[in-house]
Amino acid sequence: MSGLVKPKQYDWKDSNLAMFGSDEEKKLKKSAAMKEPAWTGCENFEGTKIWRIEKFKVKDWPKSEYGKFFDGDSYIILHSEKDPDSNELDFDVHFWIGGSSTQDEYGAAAYKTLELDTYLDDKAVQHREVGGKESEEFLGYFGGKITIEEGGIDSGFNHVVPSEERLPFTRNLLKHFKKIPNKEGKMEYHAVDMPYTQKNLCCDDGYVVIFSEDKMYQVKGKNAKIDSICPFNEWMSVQKHEHPRAKLQVYESLNELFGTEVYKNAPADFVVKLIRVLTDKSKAEFRVVAEGIENISEDLLDSDDVFLLEAPDRLFVWIGKNASSREKQNALSYAQNYLKEQGQEPCCGVSCMREKDGKYPALWKRIIAKQNTAEKREKRGAVGRRNHHL
């Protein structure tokens, strides 16, 4: 084929999802959705089903491989269960993006996710899951833990990017290496993703590892146990292998990190925000309605509008039942554009949900309840506390 050139390496985090939105496209998607064999019977399916994008096609992922993903690929995951009150199926549709997933794979997964939602008559809650930053709901489908392996199927145009080419880190990542319960309840050492804030630079009972630009920073907690040394060293060996160009800097305590740029540049503690999306102009605008979880309530929501709830590591999009069709179709774009306007790397997870006859989705309620509980616990613990982590 003359004139075909290999496109430049694509960073899916730069996508604004602008290809979705017109009324004509909505009709075309509905027609295409009815012709996609992978969706047949999904309206009556109960449980979890996974597909992988393979050369623009939606292919069944073997059940024996559920819970294992390749970072060079993109996947679509459907989860459905019956509402105990109505006995109707509630649908969640996720598209999962590996860190090395390419433009065509990510674009196909995003498009097909919206197509599946169209097939389900817009009844699904849509989610974008980013490899290594998955939501609790998503991980819960697999017993609370998934495995991400390097590699993946070649896409239609591009190839998987070798791990050594993934530097510098385009955003700051923060992990706590500590003991957490596995699905059987047994305590095991694992790396846990944490919001990147100054407060979370402390992990008393384990280690903190920061991935920033071309460096990895390792900080030992003052109460780190002796039995953590071997598993932590093994885990760090994997990180060094995956990022061979990253320079490692080791600190024996958080005190040693004070004064460094990585500490100074870490943001203050996260503040949950409720944002109204204004769409009466050519370009969507964002207006903060409330800050701090104690000031956010369902009374602030308006069925005629779209709202964003900015929580740590995830942005929730709430679509009022009377929102326009244009607003409903562009919900994911609003989330992506908001993250860009805030100067953030738009790589956190996104969940998009609709108001249903005055009812507020359980996922929305859970995140607000979770934030309220966490803040109350933090306030109780803060009484009389003086830099206990130093």
Protein backbone atom coordinates (compact mmCIF):
# COMPACT_ATOMS: atom_id res chain seq x y z
CA MET A 1 0.00 0.00 0.00
CA SER A 2 1.78 3.14 -1.19
CA GLY A 3 2.04 6.09 1.12
CA LEU A 4 1.37 4.11 4.33
CA VAL A 5 3.74 5.24 7.04
CA LYS A 6 4.05 4.03 10.57
CA PRO A 7 2.56 6.72 12.85
CA LYS A 8 4.55 8.18 15.71
CA GLN A 9 4.36 6.43 19.06
CA TYR A 10 1.06 7.47 20.63
CA ASP A 11 0.58 8.42 24.25
CA TRP A 12 -3.02 7.43 25.07
CA LYS A 13 -2.94 9.85 28.01
CA ASP A 14 -3.11 12.75 25.53
CA SER A 15 -6.39 11.64 23.97
CA ASN A 16 -9.34 13.99 24.41
CA LEU A 17 -11.88 11.43 23.11
CA ALA A 18 -13.13 14.11 20.75
CA MET A 19 -14.25 11.56 18.16
CA PHE A 20 -17.40 10.88 20.18
CA GLY A 21 -20.37 13.17 20.23
CA SER A 22 -22.50 13.87 17.17
CA ASP A 23 -26.11 12.70 16.79
CA GLU A 24 -25.24 11.05 13.52
CA GLU A 25 -22.47 9.09 15.17
CA LYS A 26 -24.92 7.97 17.86
CA LYS A 27 -27.18 6.43 15.20
CA LEU A 28 -24.24 4.80 13.47
CA LYS A 29 -23.02 3.36 16.76
CA LYS A 30 -26.44 1.86 17.53
CA SER A 31 -26.52 0.23 14.12
CA ALA A 32 -22.94 -1.02 14.50
CA ALA A 33 -23.59 -2.26 18.02
CA MET A 34 -26.39 -4.51 16.84
CA LYS A 35 -24.02 -6.02 14.26
CA GLU A 36 -21.12 -6.68 16.67
CA PRO A 37 -21.26 -10.43 17.42
CA ALA A 38 -19.33 -10.00 20.68
CA TRP A 39 -22.26 -8.12 22.25
CA THR A 40 -24.93 -10.70 21.42
CA GLY A 41 -26.73 -11.75 24.60
CA CYS A 42 -24.95 -9.22 26.84
CA GLU A 43 -28.26 -7.64 27.80
CA ASN A 44 -29.12 -10.84 29.70
CA PHE A 45 -25.63 -11.74 30.89
CA GLU A 46 -24.94 -11.87 34.63
CA GLY A 47 -21.33 -12.00 35.88
CA THR A 48 -18.01 -10.83 34.43
CA LYS A 49 -16.92 -11.11 30.80
CA ILE A 50 -13.67 -9.90 29.20
CA TRP A 51 -12.63 -9.12 25.65
CA ARG A 52 -9.23 -8.04 24.30
CA ILE A 53 -8.74 -5.70 21.37
CA GLU A 54 -6.79 -7.61 18.74
CA LYS A 55 -6.03 -5.77 15.50
CA PHE A 56 -9.17 -3.62 15.88
CA LYS A 57 -11.35 -6.67 16.63
CA VAL A 58 -13.14 -7.53 19.88
CA LYS A 59 -11.99 -11.02 20.85
CA ASP A 60 -13.07 -13.19 23.79
CA TRP A 61 -10.42 -13.39 26.52
CA PRO A 62 -10.08 -16.97 27.86
CA LYS A 63 -11.74 -17.43 31.26
CA SER A 64 -8.63 -19.21 32.47
CA GLU A 65 -6.78 -15.89 32.00
CA TYR A 66 -9.27 -13.68 33.86
CA GLY A 67 -7.36 -11.45 36.26
CA LYS A 68 -4.24 -11.37 34.04
CA PHE A 69 -3.60 -8.47 31.69
CA PHE A 70 -0.75 -7.46 29.38
CA ASP A 71 0.45 -3.87 29.60
CA GLY A 72 0.76 -3.61 25.82
CA ASP A 73 -2.94 -4.33 25.32
CA SER A 74 -6.38 -2.81 25.87
CA TYR A 75 -9.38 -4.74 27.16
CA ILE A 76 -13.12 -4.34 27.63
CA ILE A 77 -14.72 -5.77 30.75
CA LEU A 78 -18.46 -6.17 31.32
CA HIS A 79 -19.75 -6.82 34.82
CA SER A 80 -23.43 -7.18 35.63
CA GLU A 81 -25.42 -8.17 38.68
CA LYS A 82 -29.05 -7.97 39.72
CA ASP A 83 -30.38 -5.04 41.70
CA PRO A 84 -31.92 -6.64 44.81
CA ASP A 85 -34.75 -4.09 44.79
CA SER A 86 -35.81 -4.15 41.14
CA ASN A 87 -34.35 -7.55 40.17
CA GLU A 88 -33.06 -5.85 37.01
CA LEU A 89 -29.48 -6.15 35.83
CA ASP A 90 -27.09 -3.32 36.63
CA PHE A 91 -24.23 -3.03 34.13
CA ASP A 92 -20.68 -1.70 34.51
CA VAL A 93 -18.51 -1.49 31.40
CA HIS A 94 -14.79 -0.88 31.86
CA PHE A 95 -12.06 -0.38 29.30
CA TRP A 96 -8.63 -1.21 30.70
CA ILE A 97 -5.56 0.46 29.22
CA GLY A 98 -2.09 -0.96 29.60
CA GLY A 99 0.80 1.46 30.06
CA SER A 100 2.20 0.49 26.63
CA SER A 101 -1.14 0.24 24.85
CA THR A 102 -1.01 2.04 21.50
CA GLN A 103 -3.29 4.54 19.79
CA ASP A 104 -5.31 2.10 17.72
CA GLU A 105 -5.80 -0.34 20.61
CA TYR A 106 -6.83 2.33 23.09
CA GLY A 107 -9.05 4.11 20.57
CA ALA A 108 -10.77 0.87 19.58
CA ALA A 109 -11.36 -0.08 23.23
CA ALA A 110 -12.79 3.35 24.05
CA TYR A 111 -15.05 3.35 21.00
CA LYS A 112 -16.23 -0.22 21.53
CA THR A 113 -16.95 0.48 25.20
CA LEU A 114 -19.34 3.25 24.20
CA GLU A 115 -20.76 0.96 21.54
CA LEU A 116 -21.46 -1.73 24.13
CA ASP A 117 -23.17 0.86 26.31
CA THR A 118 -25.29 1.83 23.31
CA TYR A 119 -26.18 -1.85 22.79
CA LEU A 120 -27.29 -1.94 26.44
CA ASP A 121 -29.50 1.11 25.82
CA ASP A 122 -27.24 3.43 27.80
CA LYS A 123 -27.87 1.53 31.03
CA ALA A 124 -24.22 0.92 31.91
CA VAL A 125 -21.86 2.87 34.12
CA GLN A 126 -18.75 3.47 32.01
CA HIS A 127 -15.26 3.32 33.51
CA ARG A 128 -11.77 3.94 32.22
CA GLU A 129 -9.23 1.84 34.11
CA VAL A 130 -5.51 2.56 33.89
CA GLY A 131 -3.02 -0.24 34.44
CA GLY A 132 -1.73 -0.04 38.01
CA LYS A 133 -4.40 2.50 39.07
CA GLU A 134 -7.52 0.34 38.96
CA SER A 135 -10.62 1.10 41.01
CA GLU A 136 -11.62 -1.05 43.98
CA GLU A 137 -14.77 -2.10 42.14
CA PHE A 138 -12.72 -3.37 39.21
CA LEU A 139 -10.23 -5.26 41.38
CA GLY A 140 -13.14 -6.78 43.29
CA TYR A 141 -14.16 -8.76 40.19
CA PHE A 142 -10.88 -10.66 40.55
CA GLY A 143 -10.69 -11.17 44.30
CA GLY A 144 -9.02 -7.82 44.93
CA LYS A 145 -5.88 -8.42 42.89
CA ILE A 146 -4.83 -8.65 39.24
CA THR A 147 -1.58 -9.53 37.47
CA ILE A 148 -0.07 -7.22 34.85
CA GLU A 149 2.57 -8.74 32.60
CA GLU A 150 4.83 -7.11 30.03
CA GLY A 151 4.18 -7.47 26.33
CA GLY A 152 0.97 -7.97 24.40
CA ILE A 153 -0.41 -8.67 20.98
CA ASP A 154 0.86 -6.44 18.19
CA SER A 155 -1.67 -3.83 17.15
CA GLY A 156 -2.78 -3.02 13.61
CA PHE A 157 -0.13 -0.29 13.18
CA ASN A 158 2.12 -0.05 16.19
CA HIS A 159 4.11 -2.40 18.34
CA VAL A 160 4.50 -2.68 22.09
CA VAL A 161 6.98 -0.17 23.46
CA PRO A 162 9.87 -1.81 25.34
CA SER A 163 9.87 -0.92 29.02
CA GLU A 164 13.28 0.76 28.84
CA GLU A 165 11.80 3.38 26.50
CA ARG A 166 9.18 4.49 29.02
CA LEU A 167 11.25 7.21 30.64
CA PRO A 168 11.17 9.82 31.87
CA PHE A 169 8.09 9.18 34.01
CA THR A 170 5.44 11.55 32.67
CA ARG A 171 3.74 11.85 36.06
CA ASN A 172 4.70 11.34 39.67
CA LEU A 173 3.71 7.96 41.06
CA LEU A 174 3.72 7.00 44.72
CA LYS A 175 3.60 3.49 46.15
CA HIS A 176 3.61 2.12 49.70
CA PHE A 177 5.24 -1.27 50.12
CA LYS A 178 3.66 -2.84 53.19
CA LYS A 179 1.64 -5.77 54.49
CA ILE A 180 -1.95 -5.96 53.30
CA PRO A 181 -4.49 -8.83 53.46
CA ASN A 182 -4.88 -11.05 50.41
CA LYS A 183 -8.25 -12.44 49.34
CA GLU A 184 -7.94 -15.23 51.92
CA GLY A 185 -7.27 -12.69 54.65
CA LYS A 186 -3.60 -13.60 55.04
CA MET A 187 -1.21 -10.67 55.44
CA GLU A 188 1.32 -10.36 52.62
CA TYR A 189 3.73 -7.66 51.41
CA HIS A 190 2.56 -5.79 48.33
CA ALA A 191 3.04 -2.40 46.66
CA VAL A 192 -0.06 -0.22 47.03
CA ASP A 193 -0.75 2.84 44.86
CA MET A 194 -1.30 6.03 46.86
CA PRO A 195 -2.35 9.60 45.95
CA TYR A 196 0.76 11.70 45.39
CA THR A 197 0.65 14.10 48.37
CA GLN A 198 3.17 15.19 51.00
CA LYS A 199 1.21 13.33 53.64
CA ASN A 200 1.58 10.05 51.77
CA LEU A 201 5.35 10.40 51.53
CA CYS A 202 5.27 8.68 54.92
CA CYS A 203 4.70 4.95 55.38
CA ASP A 204 5.64 4.15 58.99
CA ASP A 205 5.30 0.38 58.70
CA GLY A 206 6.90 -0.11 55.30
CA TYR A 207 8.62 1.70 52.43
CA VAL A 208 7.71 4.57 50.15
CA VAL A 209 8.82 4.53 46.52
CA ILE A 210 8.39 7.62 44.35
CA PHE A 211 8.66 7.52 40.56
CA SER A 212 9.44 11.06 39.34
CA GLU A 213 10.93 12.13 36.01
CA ASP A 214 14.05 9.94 35.56
CA LYS A 215 14.44 8.91 39.21
CA MET A 216 13.10 6.44 41.74
CA TYR A 217 13.18 7.58 45.37
CA GLN A 218 13.17 4.97 48.13
CA VAL A 219 12.26 5.99 51.70
CA LYS A 220 12.30 3.58 54.65
CA GLY A 221 9.59 3.88 57.29
CA LYS A 222 10.73 4.17 60.89
CA ASN A 223 8.75 1.04 61.89
CA ALA A 224 9.55 -1.09 58.85
CA LYS A 225 9.87 -4.73 59.95
CA ILE A 226 12.91 -6.90 59.38
CA ASP A 227 10.83 -9.45 57.46
CA SER A 228 10.03 -6.75 54.87
CA ILE A 229 13.62 -6.48 53.64
CA CYS A 230 13.69 -9.55 51.38
CA PRO A 231 10.29 -9.08 49.70
CA PHE A 232 10.96 -5.36 49.26
CA ASN A 233 14.37 -5.99 47.67
CA GLU A 234 12.79 -8.53 45.32
CA TRP A 235 10.10 -6.05 44.31
CA MET A 236 12.65 -3.28 43.78
CA SER A 237 14.70 -5.62 41.58
CA VAL A 238 11.67 -5.90 39.30
CA GLN A 239 11.29 -2.11 39.20
CA LYS A 240 14.96 -1.67 38.29
CA HIS A 241 14.60 -4.24 35.52
CA GLU A 242 11.47 -2.55 34.13
CA HIS A 243 13.02 0.92 34.30
CA PRO A 244 16.77 0.40 33.74
CA ARG A 245 17.38 4.08 32.91
CA ALA A 246 15.91 5.34 36.18
CA LYS A 247 18.37 6.50 38.83
CA LEU A 248 17.70 5.21 42.33
CA GLN A 249 18.10 7.46 45.37
CA VAL A 250 17.78 5.84 48.81
CA TYR A 251 16.77 7.63 52.02
CA GLU A 252 16.78 5.96 55.42
CA SER A 253 14.05 8.22 56.79
CA LEU A 254 11.55 10.85 55.74
CA ASN A 255 13.73 13.48 57.45
CA GLU A 256 16.37 12.95 54.77
CA LEU A 257 13.78 13.72 52.07
CA PHE A 258 12.95 17.14 53.51
CA GLY A 259 14.49 19.94 51.47
CA THR A 260 14.55 17.92 48.25
CA GLU A 261 12.65 19.07 45.18
CA VAL A 262 10.54 15.91 45.10
CA TYR A 263 9.25 16.70 48.60
CA LYS A 264 8.70 20.40 47.92
CA ASN A 265 6.84 19.66 44.67
CA ALA A 266 4.48 17.13 46.22
CA PRO A 267 1.00 18.67 46.54
CA ALA A 268 -0.69 19.26 49.88
CA ASP A 269 -3.37 16.86 51.08
CA PHE A 270 -6.04 16.18 48.48
CA VAL A 271 -9.33 18.09 48.67
CA VAL A 272 -12.40 16.44 47.14
CA LYS A 273 -14.25 18.80 44.74
CA LEU A 274 -17.66 18.87 43.10
CA ILE A 275 -17.57 20.64 39.71
CA ARG A 276 -20.44 21.67 37.46
CA VAL A 277 -19.82 21.35 33.71
CA LEU A 278 -21.12 24.39 31.82
CA THR A 279 -21.88 23.54 28.20
CA ASP A 280 -23.81 26.58 26.92
CA LYS A 281 -20.73 27.90 25.10
CA SER A 282 -18.66 26.46 22.28
CA LYS A 283 -16.16 25.11 24.80
CA ALA A 284 -17.13 23.41 28.05
CA GLU A 285 -16.27 25.34 31.20
CA PHE A 286 -15.87 24.03 34.74
CA ARG A 287 -17.14 25.72 37.89
CA VAL A 288 -16.32 24.42 41.38
CA VAL A 289 -19.57 24.04 43.34
CA ALA A 290 -18.14 22.76 46.63
CA GLU A 291 -14.80 21.79 48.14
CA GLY A 292 -14.26 19.35 50.99
CA ILE A 293 -16.34 16.21 51.32
CA GLU A 294 -18.22 17.63 54.31
CA ASN A 295 -19.65 20.31 52.00
CA ILE A 296 -20.76 17.96 49.22
CA SER A 297 -24.27 16.53 49.16
CA GLU A 298 -26.77 15.24 46.63
CA ASP A 299 -28.79 18.46 47.06
CA LEU A 300 -26.14 20.27 45.01
CA LEU A 301 -26.78 18.11 41.95
CA ASP A 302 -29.09 19.30 39.18
CA SER A 303 -30.78 16.82 36.85
CA ASP A 304 -30.29 19.21 33.92
CA ASP A 305 -26.51 19.25 34.14
CA VAL A 306 -23.31 17.21 34.22
CA PHE A 307 -21.09 17.22 37.32
CA LEU A 308 -17.60 15.98 38.10
CA LEU A 309 -16.55 14.62 41.50
CA GLU A 310 -12.77 14.81 41.82
CA ALA A 311 -11.56 12.19 44.29
CA PRO A 312 -8.03 10.81 44.83
CA ASP A 313 -6.91 8.87 41.73
CA ARG A 314 -10.38 8.87 40.14
CA LEU A 315 -12.70 11.36 38.50
CA PHE A 316 -16.43 10.62 38.64
CA VAL A 317 -18.78 12.01 35.99
CA TRP A 318 -22.45 12.32 37.00
CA ILE A 319 -24.97 12.94 34.20
CA GLY A 320 -28.38 14.30 35.16
CA LYS A 321 -31.35 12.51 33.63
CA ASN A 322 -32.40 15.71 31.79
CA ALA A 323 -28.95 16.47 30.39
CA SER A 324 -28.85 16.92 26.63
CA SER A 325 -27.89 14.06 24.32
CA ARG A 326 -24.73 16.01 23.44
CA GLU A 327 -23.76 16.22 27.10
CA LYS A 328 -24.40 12.52 27.62
CA GLN A 329 -22.28 11.56 24.62
CA ASN A 330 -19.38 13.84 25.57
CA ALA A 331 -19.19 12.97 29.27
CA LEU A 332 -15.81 11.25 28.99
CA SER A 333 -14.44 14.16 26.98
CA TYR A 334 -15.45 16.59 29.73
CA ALA A 335 -13.51 14.53 32.28
CA GLN A 336 -10.42 14.39 30.08
CA ASN A 337 -10.52 18.11 29.30
CA TYR A 338 -10.96 19.02 32.96
CA LEU A 339 -7.85 17.06 33.91
CA LYS A 340 -5.87 18.80 31.18
CA GLU A 341 -7.06 22.25 32.23
CA GLN A 342 -5.93 21.53 35.78
CA GLY A 343 -2.44 20.79 34.48
CA GLN A 344 -2.70 17.16 35.48
CA GLU A 345 -1.62 14.18 33.42
CA PRO A 346 -5.03 12.83 32.34
CA CYS A 347 -4.19 9.28 33.31
CA CYS A 348 -6.28 8.69 36.40
CA GLY A 349 -9.30 6.41 36.21
CA VAL A 350 -12.67 7.83 35.15
CA SER A 351 -16.15 6.54 36.00
CA CYS A 352 -19.15 7.91 34.12
CA MET A 353 -22.69 7.35 35.41
CA ARG A 354 -26.23 8.55 34.83
CA GLU A 355 -28.95 9.62 37.22
CA LYS A 356 -31.81 7.15 37.14
CA ASP A 357 -35.26 8.55 37.94
CA GLY A 358 -33.98 10.60 40.84
CA LYS A 359 -31.85 7.73 42.17
CA TYR A 360 -28.14 8.26 42.71
CA PRO A 361 -25.82 5.45 41.55
CA ALA A 362 -24.41 3.23 44.28
CA LEU A 363 -20.86 3.89 43.07
CA TRP A 364 -21.31 7.63 43.58
CA LYS A 365 -22.74 7.10 47.05
CA ARG A 366 -19.95 4.73 48.02
CA ILE A 367 -17.18 7.17 47.14
CA ILE A 368 -18.83 9.99 49.12
CA ALA A 369 -19.44 7.70 52.10
CA LYS A 370 -15.87 6.41 51.88
CA GLN A 371 -14.41 9.91 51.80
CA ASN A 372 -16.58 11.00 54.73
CA THR A 373 -15.46 8.02 56.79
CA ALA A 374 -11.80 8.60 55.93
CA GLU A 375 -11.96 12.29 56.84
CA LYS A 376 -13.69 11.62 60.15
CA ARG A 377 -11.08 9.00 61.01
CA GLU A 378 -8.28 11.38 60.04
CA LYS A 379 -9.73 14.20 62.16
CA ARG A 380 -10.00 11.91 65.19
CA GLY A 381 -6.43 10.75 64.72
CA ALA A 382 -5.16 14.29 64.26
CA VAL A 383 -6.20 15.37 67.76
CA GLY A 384 -3.04 15.84 69.79
CA ARG A 385 -0.86 14.47 67.01
CA ARG A 386 2.42 16.22 66.26
CA ASN A 387 4.27 14.98 63.21
CA HIS A 388 4.21 11.44 64.53
CA HIS A 389 5.63 10.17 61.23
CA LEU A 390 8.89 12.09 61.36
